[in-house]
Protein backbone atom coordinates (compact mmCIF):
# COMPACT_ATOMS: atom_id res chain seq x y z
CA MET A 1 11.83 -39.42 -11.42
CA SER A 2 14.54 -37.93 -13.56
CA THR A 3 14.27 -34.74 -15.61
CA GLN A 4 14.02 -36.82 -18.76
CA ASP A 5 10.94 -38.63 -17.39
CA LYS A 6 9.10 -35.34 -16.69
CA ASN A 7 10.01 -33.72 -19.99
CA PRO A 8 7.55 -35.62 -22.27
CA LEU A 9 4.68 -34.87 -19.89
CA ASP A 10 5.58 -31.20 -19.75
CA ILE A 11 5.73 -31.04 -23.52
CA GLU A 12 2.35 -32.78 -23.79
CA LYS A 13 0.82 -30.34 -21.31
CA LEU A 14 2.37 -27.41 -23.14
CA THR A 15 1.16 -28.73 -26.49
CA ALA A 16 -2.35 -29.19 -25.12
CA SER A 17 -2.32 -25.67 -23.67
CA VAL A 18 -1.12 -24.18 -26.94
CA GLU A 19 -3.79 -26.06 -28.89
CA GLU A 20 -6.43 -24.87 -26.43
CA LEU A 21 -5.21 -21.29 -26.78
CA LEU A 22 -5.24 -21.55 -30.57
CA GLN A 23 -8.81 -22.83 -30.50
CA LEU A 24 -9.83 -20.03 -28.14
CA CYS A 25 -8.13 -17.49 -30.38
CA GLU A 26 -9.97 -18.82 -33.43
CA THR A 27 -13.29 -18.75 -31.57
CA LEU A 28 -12.68 -15.17 -30.43
CA MET A 29 -11.72 -14.07 -33.94
CA GLU A 30 -14.93 -15.58 -35.33
CA GLU A 31 -17.00 -13.92 -32.62
CA ASN A 32 -15.23 -10.62 -33.22
CA GLU A 33 -16.02 -10.78 -36.94
CA ARG A 34 -19.66 -11.65 -36.19
CA LEU A 35 -19.91 -8.70 -33.82
CA ARG A 36 -18.32 -6.37 -36.39
CA LYS A 37 -20.88 -7.45 -38.99
CA GLN A 38 -23.69 -7.00 -36.48
CA ASN A 39 -22.36 -3.55 -35.61
CA ARG A 40 -22.25 -2.53 -39.29
CA GLN A 41 -25.84 -3.75 -39.75
CA LEU A 42 -27.03 -1.86 -36.68
CA LEU A 43 -25.34 1.32 -37.92
CA ARG A 44 -27.11 0.97 -41.28
CA GLU A 45 -30.43 0.50 -39.49
CA LYS A 46 -29.73 3.49 -37.25
CA ASN A 47 -28.96 5.68 -40.27
CA ALA A 48 -32.12 4.55 -42.03
CA LEU A 49 -34.20 5.29 -38.92
CA ASN A 50 -32.59 8.71 -38.57
CA GLU A 51 -33.48 9.51 -42.18
CA LYS A 52 -37.08 8.40 -41.61
CA ASN A 53 -37.22 10.47 -38.44
CA GLN A 54 -35.97 13.57 -40.24
CA LEU A 55 -38.49 13.04 -43.03
CA SER A 56 -41.29 12.63 -40.48
CA GLN A 57 -40.23 15.78 -38.64
CA SER A 58 -40.20 17.68 -41.91
CA LYS A 59 -43.68 16.44 -42.84
CA ILE A 60 -45.04 17.30 -39.38
CA SER A 61 -43.52 20.76 -39.56
CA SER A 62 -45.08 21.26 -42.98
CA MET A 63 -48.50 20.12 -41.70
CA ILE A 64 -48.29 22.48 -38.74
CA THR A 65 -47.48 25.36 -41.07
CA ARG A 66 -50.44 24.49 -43.30
CA LEU A 67 -52.75 24.24 -40.29
CA LYS A 68 -51.61 27.64 -39.05
CA THR A 69 -52.24 29.07 -42.50
CA LEU A 70 -55.74 27.58 -42.55
CA GLU A 71 -56.38 28.95 -39.07
CA VAL A 72 -55.41 32.45 -40.17
CA GLU A 73 -57.65 32.19 -43.24
CA LEU A 74 -60.66 31.27 -41.11
């Protein structure tokens, strides 16, 4: 087999590999974007839960103070 006979096969293999890599790259970019969106959503949920937690802690602290005041009055 001469070099010219191998060349078209090598180019076809290379072309197939490049196309496969491009497809993989596109898939990874889509997955990356999906994960970034998911991360942003989870951060929003975390912040909302932290705010609710702080509000709950504040309410509990206020109730404890009122109970102590009632205890002293009795």
